[in-house]
Protein backbone atom coordinates (compact mmCIF):
# COMPACT_ATOMS: atom_id res chain seq x y z
CA UNK A 1 123.76 245.60 54.39
CA UNK A 2 122.29 248.44 56.43
CA UNK A 3 118.76 247.11 56.16
CA UNK A 4 119.89 243.67 57.29
CA UNK A 5 121.81 245.17 60.18
CA UNK A 6 118.75 247.18 61.21
CA UNK A 7 116.63 244.03 61.12
CA UNK A 8 119.15 242.12 63.19
CA UNK A 9 119.18 244.89 65.78
CA UNK A 10 115.37 244.69 65.92
CA UNK A 11 115.57 240.94 66.50
CA UNK A 12 117.86 241.63 69.43
CA UNK A 13 115.40 244.09 70.96
CA UNK A 14 117.36 247.20 69.99
CA UNK A 15 114.45 248.91 68.27
CA UNK A 16 115.73 252.49 68.44
CA UNK A 17 119.15 251.54 67.07
CA UNK A 18 117.59 249.51 64.25
CA UNK A 19 115.28 252.39 63.34
CA UNK A 20 118.13 254.91 63.40
CA UNK A 21 120.19 252.73 61.08
CA UNK A 22 117.32 252.43 58.60
CA UNK A 23 116.79 256.20 58.64
CA UNK A 24 120.43 256.72 57.67
CA UNK A 25 120.08 254.16 54.88
CA UNK A 26 116.84 255.80 53.70
CA UNK A 27 118.39 259.26 53.60
CA UNK A 28 121.41 258.11 51.59
CA UNK A 29 119.61 255.79 49.16
CA UNK A 30 119.24 257.19 45.62
CA UNK A 31 116.92 254.41 44.36
CA UNK A 32 113.30 255.43 44.97
CA UNK A 33 111.98 251.85 45.16
CA UNK A 34 114.46 250.97 47.87
CA UNK A 35 113.66 254.22 49.68
CA UNK A 36 109.97 253.26 49.67
CA UNK A 37 110.79 249.89 51.22
CA UNK A 38 112.96 251.58 53.86
CA UNK A 39 110.06 253.93 54.62
CA UNK A 40 107.76 250.95 55.25
CA UNK A 41 110.38 249.34 57.46
CA UNK A 42 110.85 252.58 59.41
CA UNK A 43 107.07 252.77 59.91
CA UNK A 44 107.19 249.23 61.37
CA UNK A 45 109.90 250.32 63.80
CA UNK A 46 107.80 253.34 64.77
CA UNK A 47 104.85 251.05 65.53
CA UNK A 48 107.08 248.71 67.53
CA UNK A 49 108.47 251.63 69.52
CA UNK A 50 104.91 252.77 70.27
CA UNK A 51 104.09 249.27 71.55
CA UNK A 52 107.29 249.31 73.64
CA UNK A 53 106.25 252.63 75.22
CA UNK A 54 102.84 251.12 75.97
CA UNK A 55 104.47 248.06 77.53
CA UNK A 56 106.48 250.39 79.75
CA UNK A 57 103.28 252.18 80.80
CA UNK A 58 101.62 248.84 81.54
CA UNK A 59 104.59 247.82 83.72
CA UNK A 60 104.54 251.16 85.55
CA UNK A 61 100.81 250.88 86.29
CA UNK A 62 100.69 247.16 87.14
CA UNK A 63 104.08 246.67 88.76
CA UNK A 64 104.89 243.78 86.43
CA UNK A 65 105.43 243.06 82.76
CA UNK A 66 102.50 242.19 80.51
CA UNK A 67 102.47 238.46 79.88
CA UNK A 68 101.24 238.82 76.30
CA UNK A 69 100.91 241.74 73.89
CA UNK A 70 97.16 241.19 73.93
CA UNK A 71 97.20 242.27 77.61
CA UNK A 72 97.53 245.82 76.27
CA UNK A 73 94.15 245.67 74.50
CA UNK A 74 91.76 247.42 75.12
CA UNK A 75 92.95 249.33 78.21
CA UNK A 76 96.19 250.65 76.70
CA UNK A 77 95.72 250.16 72.93
CA UNK A 78 92.54 249.80 70.93
CA UNK A 79 94.30 247.13 68.88
CA UNK A 80 97.79 245.88 68.17
CA UNK A 81 99.32 247.61 65.16
CA UNK A 82 99.44 245.95 61.78
CA UNK A 83 102.92 245.67 60.34
CA UNK A 84 104.08 245.81 56.74
CA UNK A 85 106.30 243.47 54.74
CA UNK A 86 105.73 240.37 56.85
CA UNK A 87 107.19 241.77 60.08
CA UNK A 88 105.86 240.50 63.41
CA UNK A 89 106.22 241.62 67.02
CA UNK A 90 107.57 239.10 69.51
CA UNK A 91 107.22 239.83 73.22
CA UNK A 92 109.71 238.01 75.40
CA UNK A 93 109.49 240.00 78.64
CA UNK A 94 111.15 242.39 79.11
CA UNK A 95 112.25 242.54 75.44
CA UNK A 96 110.05 243.43 72.49
CA UNK A 97 111.46 242.23 69.18
CA UNK A 98 110.49 243.20 65.66
CA UNK A 99 111.20 240.18 63.50
CA UNK A 100 110.98 239.23 59.87
CA UNK A 101 110.73 235.55 58.93
CA UNK A 102 113.25 236.01 56.09
CA UNK A 103 116.01 236.95 58.56
CA UNK A 104 117.14 233.86 60.47
């Protein structure tokens, strides 16, 4: 349940809250395989939060939102981060979402 809730928060643009929820689930999970999956999901949230910080920097420097995530490359990021487990980043200015096709 916690992982699903974290994913749903990410879809709503609440990246920090989704990450925090996954960290709690990771820390309380006794099954090592599930903990490994949570760790990959947390890493995805960390990458998304880094992109969000970069989007904020772009907005501060240009006075407007980036139209596409690729606007960040190469001046702000050398490349967009690769995500694990089928996650993708969706930029719907001003909200960055971390989505997974399995969660509708």
